[in-house]
N, C-alpha and C. Protein backbone atom coordinates (compact mmCIF):
# COMPACT_ATOMS: atom_id res chain seq x y z
N MET A 1 -0.91 4.25 26.74
CA MET A 1 -1.81 4.05 25.62
C MET A 1 -1.16 4.65 24.38
N MET A 2 -1.22 3.88 23.27
CA MET A 2 -0.61 4.32 22.03
C MET A 2 -1.53 5.35 21.37
N ARG A 3 -1.01 6.52 21.10
CA ARG A 3 -1.78 7.55 20.41
C ARG A 3 -1.42 7.48 18.94
N ALA A 4 -2.40 7.23 18.13
CA ALA A 4 -2.17 7.10 16.70
C ALA A 4 -3.01 8.10 15.95
N ALA A 5 -2.46 8.54 14.85
CA ALA A 5 -3.21 9.44 13.97
C ALA A 5 -3.77 8.60 12.84
N CYS A 6 -4.99 8.82 12.52
CA CYS A 6 -5.65 8.08 11.45
C CYS A 6 -5.23 8.65 10.11
N LEU A 7 -4.76 7.81 9.23
CA LEU A 7 -4.35 8.22 7.90
C LEU A 7 -5.37 7.78 6.88
N SER A 8 -6.37 7.05 7.32
CA SER A 8 -7.37 6.49 6.41
C SER A 8 -8.06 7.61 5.65
N PRO A 9 -8.30 7.48 4.40
CA PRO A 9 -8.06 6.31 3.58
C PRO A 9 -6.68 6.31 2.94
N LEU A 10 -5.77 7.06 3.47
CA LEU A 10 -4.41 7.11 2.92
C LEU A 10 -3.65 5.85 3.28
N ILE A 11 -2.85 5.39 2.38
CA ILE A 11 -1.91 4.32 2.67
C ILE A 11 -0.55 4.86 2.31
N LEU A 12 0.34 4.82 3.25
CA LEU A 12 1.66 5.39 3.01
C LEU A 12 2.43 4.57 1.99
N LEU A 13 3.06 5.25 1.07
CA LEU A 13 3.88 4.59 0.07
C LEU A 13 5.35 4.60 0.47
N ALA A 14 5.68 5.37 1.46
CA ALA A 14 7.09 5.50 1.83
C ALA A 14 7.70 4.17 2.22
N ALA A 15 6.90 3.24 2.68
CA ALA A 15 7.42 1.94 3.08
C ALA A 15 7.66 1.04 1.88
N CYS A 16 7.12 1.39 0.73
CA CYS A 16 7.26 0.58 -0.47
C CYS A 16 8.62 0.81 -1.09
N SER A 17 9.04 -0.14 -1.89
CA SER A 17 10.31 -0.03 -2.58
C SER A 17 10.29 1.17 -3.50
N GLY A 18 11.40 1.89 -3.55
CA GLY A 18 11.49 3.06 -4.42
C GLY A 18 11.87 2.70 -5.84
N GLY A 19 12.19 1.42 -6.13
CA GLY A 19 12.61 1.04 -7.46
C GLY A 19 11.47 1.00 -8.43
N GLY A 20 11.69 1.47 -9.64
CA GLY A 20 10.68 1.43 -10.68
C GLY A 20 10.77 0.13 -11.45
N GLU A 21 9.78 -0.13 -12.30
CA GLU A 21 9.80 -1.32 -13.11
C GLU A 21 10.73 -1.11 -14.28
N ALA A 22 11.45 -2.17 -14.64
CA ALA A 22 12.34 -2.10 -15.79
C ALA A 22 11.50 -2.11 -17.06
N GLN A 23 11.95 -1.41 -18.10
CA GLN A 23 11.21 -1.36 -19.35
C GLN A 23 11.32 -2.69 -20.06
N ALA A 24 10.27 -3.04 -20.79
CA ALA A 24 10.27 -4.28 -21.56
C ALA A 24 11.40 -4.22 -22.57
N GLY A 25 12.07 -5.36 -22.74
CA GLY A 25 13.16 -5.43 -23.71
C GLY A 25 14.50 -5.04 -23.13
N SER A 26 14.59 -4.61 -21.87
CA SER A 26 15.86 -4.26 -21.26
C SER A 26 16.64 -5.52 -20.97
N SER A 27 17.94 -5.40 -20.91
CA SER A 27 18.77 -6.57 -20.64
C SER A 27 18.59 -7.02 -19.20
N THR A 28 18.89 -8.29 -18.94
CA THR A 28 18.78 -8.85 -17.60
C THR A 28 19.70 -8.12 -16.63
N ALA A 29 20.89 -7.74 -17.08
CA ALA A 29 21.82 -7.02 -16.22
C ALA A 29 21.24 -5.68 -15.80
N ALA A 30 20.63 -4.98 -16.75
CA ALA A 30 20.04 -3.68 -16.45
C ALA A 30 18.89 -3.84 -15.47
N GLN A 31 18.08 -4.91 -15.64
CA GLN A 31 16.97 -5.16 -14.73
C GLN A 31 17.50 -5.45 -13.33
N SER A 32 18.60 -6.18 -13.22
CA SER A 32 19.19 -6.48 -11.91
C SER A 32 19.66 -5.21 -11.23
N GLU A 33 20.25 -4.28 -12.01
CA GLU A 33 20.71 -3.02 -11.44
C GLU A 33 19.55 -2.21 -10.90
N VAL A 34 18.43 -2.18 -11.63
CA VAL A 34 17.25 -1.44 -11.18
C VAL A 34 16.73 -2.08 -9.90
N ALA A 35 16.64 -3.40 -9.86
CA ALA A 35 16.11 -4.09 -8.69
C ALA A 35 17.02 -3.90 -7.48
N ALA A 36 18.31 -3.77 -7.70
CA ALA A 36 19.26 -3.66 -6.60
C ALA A 36 19.46 -2.22 -6.14
N ALA A 37 18.88 -1.26 -6.84
CA ALA A 37 19.07 0.14 -6.47
C ALA A 37 18.51 0.37 -5.06
N PRO A 38 19.30 0.98 -4.19
CA PRO A 38 18.82 1.20 -2.82
C PRO A 38 17.72 2.25 -2.77
N GLU A 39 16.82 2.07 -1.82
CA GLU A 39 15.73 3.02 -1.63
C GLU A 39 16.30 4.32 -1.06
N ASP A 40 15.76 5.44 -1.51
CA ASP A 40 16.15 6.74 -0.96
C ASP A 40 15.64 6.80 0.48
N THR A 41 16.51 7.02 1.43
CA THR A 41 16.12 7.03 2.84
C THR A 41 15.99 8.44 3.40
N SER A 42 16.14 9.47 2.55
CA SER A 42 16.05 10.83 3.06
C SER A 42 14.61 11.18 3.41
N VAL A 43 14.46 11.99 4.44
CA VAL A 43 13.15 12.43 4.93
C VAL A 43 13.20 13.94 5.12
N ALA A 44 12.20 14.63 4.58
CA ALA A 44 12.10 16.07 4.83
C ALA A 44 11.64 16.26 6.26
N CYS A 45 12.35 17.09 7.01
CA CYS A 45 11.97 17.32 8.39
C CYS A 45 12.22 18.78 8.77
N ALA A 46 11.45 19.22 9.75
CA ALA A 46 11.58 20.56 10.34
C ALA A 46 11.57 20.30 11.85
N LEU A 47 12.72 20.37 12.46
CA LEU A 47 12.87 19.96 13.86
C LEU A 47 12.85 21.14 14.82
N ALA A 48 12.44 20.86 16.03
CA ALA A 48 12.47 21.84 17.12
C ALA A 48 11.77 23.15 16.75
N GLY A 49 10.63 23.04 16.07
CA GLY A 49 9.86 24.23 15.73
C GLY A 49 10.33 24.98 14.51
N ALA A 50 11.27 24.41 13.74
CA ALA A 50 11.77 25.09 12.54
C ALA A 50 10.62 25.36 11.58
N LYS A 51 10.68 26.48 10.89
CA LYS A 51 9.63 26.89 9.96
C LYS A 51 9.74 26.17 8.61
N THR A 52 10.97 25.89 8.17
CA THR A 52 11.17 25.29 6.86
C THR A 52 11.67 23.85 6.98
N PHE A 53 11.36 23.08 5.95
CA PHE A 53 11.78 21.68 5.88
C PHE A 53 13.10 21.57 5.12
N GLY A 54 13.90 20.59 5.51
CA GLY A 54 15.12 20.26 4.79
C GLY A 54 15.23 18.75 4.70
N LEU A 55 15.94 18.25 3.71
CA LEU A 55 16.16 16.80 3.59
C LEU A 55 17.34 16.39 4.46
N THR A 56 17.21 16.63 5.75
CA THR A 56 18.32 16.40 6.67
C THR A 56 18.13 15.17 7.55
N CYS A 57 16.96 14.56 7.53
CA CYS A 57 16.70 13.36 8.32
C CYS A 57 16.76 12.14 7.40
N THR A 58 16.96 10.98 7.99
CA THR A 58 16.94 9.72 7.24
C THR A 58 16.02 8.74 7.94
N ARG A 59 15.62 7.70 7.21
CA ARG A 59 14.68 6.73 7.76
C ARG A 59 15.20 5.32 7.57
N ASP A 60 15.14 4.52 8.65
CA ASP A 60 15.42 3.09 8.60
C ASP A 60 14.08 2.39 8.82
N ILE A 61 13.86 1.27 8.13
CA ILE A 61 12.60 0.55 8.24
C ILE A 61 12.88 -0.86 8.74
N SER A 62 12.08 -1.30 9.72
CA SER A 62 12.16 -2.67 10.21
C SER A 62 10.75 -3.12 10.58
N ARG A 63 10.61 -4.37 10.99
CA ARG A 63 9.31 -4.91 11.41
C ARG A 63 9.47 -5.49 12.81
N ASP A 64 8.39 -5.35 13.61
CA ASP A 64 8.34 -6.04 14.89
C ASP A 64 6.95 -6.64 15.04
N ASP A 65 6.61 -7.12 16.23
CA ASP A 65 5.32 -7.78 16.43
C ASP A 65 4.13 -6.83 16.30
N VAL A 66 4.35 -5.53 16.41
CA VAL A 66 3.27 -4.55 16.28
C VAL A 66 3.03 -4.18 14.81
N GLY A 67 4.08 -4.13 14.02
CA GLY A 67 3.96 -3.76 12.62
C GLY A 67 5.27 -3.21 12.10
N GLU A 68 5.19 -2.42 11.04
CA GLU A 68 6.37 -1.81 10.45
C GLU A 68 6.82 -0.65 11.31
N VAL A 69 8.11 -0.59 11.59
CA VAL A 69 8.68 0.46 12.45
C VAL A 69 9.63 1.30 11.61
N TRP A 70 9.44 2.62 11.70
CA TRP A 70 10.33 3.57 11.05
C TRP A 70 11.14 4.27 12.13
N ILE A 71 12.44 4.28 11.97
CA ILE A 71 13.31 5.08 12.84
C ILE A 71 13.77 6.26 12.00
N VAL A 72 13.34 7.45 12.38
CA VAL A 72 13.72 8.67 11.67
C VAL A 72 14.87 9.29 12.46
N ARG A 73 16.02 9.35 11.83
CA ARG A 73 17.23 9.86 12.47
C ARG A 73 17.42 11.34 12.15
N HIS A 74 17.69 12.12 13.19
CA HIS A 74 17.91 13.56 13.06
C HIS A 74 19.40 13.81 12.81
N PRO A 75 19.75 14.93 12.19
CA PRO A 75 21.16 15.22 11.91
C PRO A 75 22.02 15.40 13.16
N ASP A 76 21.39 15.73 14.30
CA ASP A 76 22.17 15.92 15.54
C ASP A 76 22.37 14.62 16.31
N GLY A 77 21.93 13.49 15.75
CA GLY A 77 22.08 12.20 16.42
C GLY A 77 20.81 11.74 17.12
N GLY A 78 19.85 12.63 17.31
CA GLY A 78 18.58 12.24 17.91
C GLY A 78 17.77 11.42 16.92
N PHE A 79 16.69 10.84 17.38
CA PHE A 79 15.83 10.06 16.51
C PHE A 79 14.43 9.97 17.09
N ARG A 80 13.50 9.55 16.25
CA ARG A 80 12.13 9.30 16.68
C ARG A 80 11.67 8.02 16.00
N ARG A 81 10.99 7.15 16.77
CA ARG A 81 10.50 5.88 16.24
C ARG A 81 8.98 5.96 16.03
N PHE A 82 8.55 5.53 14.84
CA PHE A 82 7.13 5.47 14.50
C PHE A 82 6.77 4.03 14.17
N VAL A 83 5.53 3.68 14.40
CA VAL A 83 5.02 2.37 13.99
C VAL A 83 3.78 2.59 13.14
N LEU A 84 3.73 1.86 12.01
CA LEU A 84 2.55 1.88 11.15
C LEU A 84 1.63 0.77 11.64
N ILE A 85 0.38 1.12 11.88
CA ILE A 85 -0.57 0.14 12.39
C ILE A 85 -1.80 0.08 11.50
N ASP A 86 -2.59 -0.93 11.71
CA ASP A 86 -3.82 -1.14 10.92
C ASP A 86 -3.52 -1.16 9.43
N GLY A 87 -2.53 -1.94 9.04
CA GLY A 87 -2.20 -2.08 7.62
C GLY A 87 -1.64 -0.82 7.00
N GLY A 88 -1.03 0.04 7.78
CA GLY A 88 -0.44 1.27 7.25
C GLY A 88 -1.41 2.43 7.16
N THR A 89 -2.60 2.29 7.74
CA THR A 89 -3.57 3.39 7.68
C THR A 89 -3.44 4.34 8.86
N ARG A 90 -2.66 3.97 9.87
CA ARG A 90 -2.44 4.85 11.02
C ARG A 90 -0.97 4.81 11.40
N ILE A 91 -0.51 5.88 12.02
CA ILE A 91 0.88 5.98 12.45
C ILE A 91 0.88 6.47 13.89
N ALA A 92 1.81 5.95 14.69
CA ALA A 92 1.94 6.34 16.09
C ALA A 92 3.42 6.34 16.45
N THR A 93 3.76 7.02 17.53
CA THR A 93 5.13 6.88 18.03
C THR A 93 5.25 5.46 18.56
N ALA A 94 6.40 4.84 18.37
CA ALA A 94 6.58 3.44 18.74
C ALA A 94 6.43 3.20 20.24
N ASP A 95 6.81 4.18 21.05
CA ASP A 95 6.66 3.99 22.50
C ASP A 95 5.28 4.42 22.98
N GLY A 96 4.51 5.07 22.11
CA GLY A 96 3.12 5.40 22.38
C GLY A 96 2.87 6.53 23.36
N ASP A 97 3.90 7.23 23.80
CA ASP A 97 3.67 8.26 24.80
C ASP A 97 3.55 9.68 24.25
N LYS A 98 3.75 9.85 22.96
CA LYS A 98 3.65 11.18 22.34
C LYS A 98 2.49 11.18 21.35
N GLU A 99 1.71 12.26 21.35
CA GLU A 99 0.59 12.37 20.42
C GLU A 99 1.10 12.71 19.02
N VAL A 100 0.54 12.05 18.04
CA VAL A 100 0.90 12.24 16.65
C VAL A 100 -0.28 12.92 15.94
N ALA A 101 0.02 13.97 15.18
CA ALA A 101 -1.01 14.63 14.36
C ALA A 101 -0.54 14.54 12.91
N THR A 102 -1.48 14.35 12.00
CA THR A 102 -1.13 14.24 10.59
C THR A 102 -1.96 15.19 9.76
N GLN A 103 -1.39 15.57 8.61
CA GLN A 103 -2.08 16.45 7.67
C GLN A 103 -1.52 16.16 6.29
N ARG A 104 -2.40 16.00 5.33
CA ARG A 104 -1.96 15.81 3.95
C ARG A 104 -1.55 17.16 3.38
N VAL A 105 -0.37 17.22 2.76
CA VAL A 105 0.14 18.43 2.12
C VAL A 105 0.55 18.02 0.70
N GLY A 106 -0.34 18.25 -0.25
CA GLY A 106 -0.09 17.81 -1.62
C GLY A 106 0.02 16.29 -1.66
N GLY A 107 1.12 15.79 -2.22
CA GLY A 107 1.36 14.35 -2.31
C GLY A 107 2.11 13.79 -1.12
N GLU A 108 2.19 14.56 -0.05
CA GLU A 108 2.94 14.12 1.13
C GLU A 108 2.04 14.12 2.36
N LEU A 109 2.46 13.36 3.33
CA LEU A 109 1.77 13.34 4.61
C LEU A 109 2.69 13.98 5.64
N GLU A 110 2.23 15.06 6.25
CA GLU A 110 3.02 15.72 7.28
C GLU A 110 2.64 15.11 8.62
N VAL A 111 3.64 14.64 9.34
CA VAL A 111 3.45 14.02 10.65
C VAL A 111 4.10 14.93 11.68
N ARG A 112 3.32 15.32 12.69
CA ARG A 112 3.81 16.23 13.73
C ARG A 112 3.83 15.53 15.08
N VAL A 113 4.94 15.66 15.77
CA VAL A 113 5.09 15.16 17.14
C VAL A 113 5.83 16.23 17.91
N GLU A 114 5.17 16.76 18.93
CA GLU A 114 5.74 17.87 19.70
C GLU A 114 6.18 18.97 18.73
N GLY A 115 7.41 19.45 18.78
CA GLY A 115 7.87 20.52 17.91
C GLY A 115 8.51 20.04 16.61
N ASP A 116 8.46 18.72 16.35
CA ASP A 116 9.09 18.17 15.16
C ASP A 116 8.03 17.83 14.10
N ARG A 117 8.40 18.08 12.83
CA ARG A 117 7.51 17.75 11.72
C ARG A 117 8.31 16.97 10.68
N TYR A 118 7.65 15.99 10.08
CA TYR A 118 8.26 15.14 9.07
C TYR A 118 7.30 15.04 7.89
N ARG A 119 7.83 14.90 6.68
CA ARG A 119 6.98 14.71 5.50
C ARG A 119 7.38 13.42 4.79
N PHE A 120 6.37 12.56 4.61
CA PHE A 120 6.55 11.28 3.96
C PHE A 120 5.67 11.23 2.71
N PRO A 121 6.11 10.52 1.65
CA PRO A 121 5.25 10.34 0.48
C PRO A 121 3.97 9.61 0.91
N ALA A 122 2.84 9.98 0.30
CA ALA A 122 1.57 9.34 0.62
C ALA A 122 0.92 8.86 -0.66
N ALA A 123 0.04 7.89 -0.53
CA ALA A 123 -0.71 7.38 -1.67
C ALA A 123 -1.61 8.47 -2.21
N PRO A 124 -1.92 8.41 -3.49
CA PRO A 124 -2.88 9.38 -4.03
C PRO A 124 -4.21 9.25 -3.32
N GLU A 125 -4.91 10.37 -3.20
CA GLU A 125 -6.22 10.33 -2.57
C GLU A 125 -7.17 9.58 -3.50
N PRO A 126 -8.06 8.75 -2.91
CA PRO A 126 -9.00 8.02 -3.76
C PRO A 126 -9.97 8.99 -4.45
N ALA A 127 -10.38 8.60 -5.65
CA ALA A 127 -11.33 9.42 -6.40
C ALA A 127 -12.66 9.46 -5.65
N ALA A 128 -13.31 10.61 -5.69
CA ALA A 128 -14.61 10.75 -5.03
C ALA A 128 -15.63 9.91 -5.76
N SER A 129 -16.47 9.21 -5.01
CA SER A 129 -17.50 8.39 -5.65
C SER A 129 -18.74 9.22 -5.91
N GLY A 130 -19.52 8.81 -6.85
CA GLY A 130 -20.75 9.53 -7.18
C GLY A 130 -20.48 10.67 -8.13
N SER A 131 -20.62 10.43 -9.44
CA SER A 131 -20.30 11.46 -10.40
C SER A 131 -21.38 12.46 -10.63
């Protein structure tokens, strides 16, 4: 059974393109360079129970029949696969055998699996209704 952590109402932005919009009036060549800029694939991680995070992991993104799949690569050659489900509102390990816990930390979403922790950019929290 796939164990997923609910991110609702959060929608992860990490899967979105990291490129910004080109300013009006910029040349076509400059716009092409902005559009072609590669997405930053670094991921803050604290592995094997480490207390502090470092930008030592990287992320590859692909799609399969279940949804968007993130492969987070560790500096020692290990890796962990995650799948975004329900339109990106939940995350689970791709093989479904490890429990995933999540916690919002500022503008990031901390994802914990066993002794490993990862931080991904998250969408801003929605404004509270009812003024």
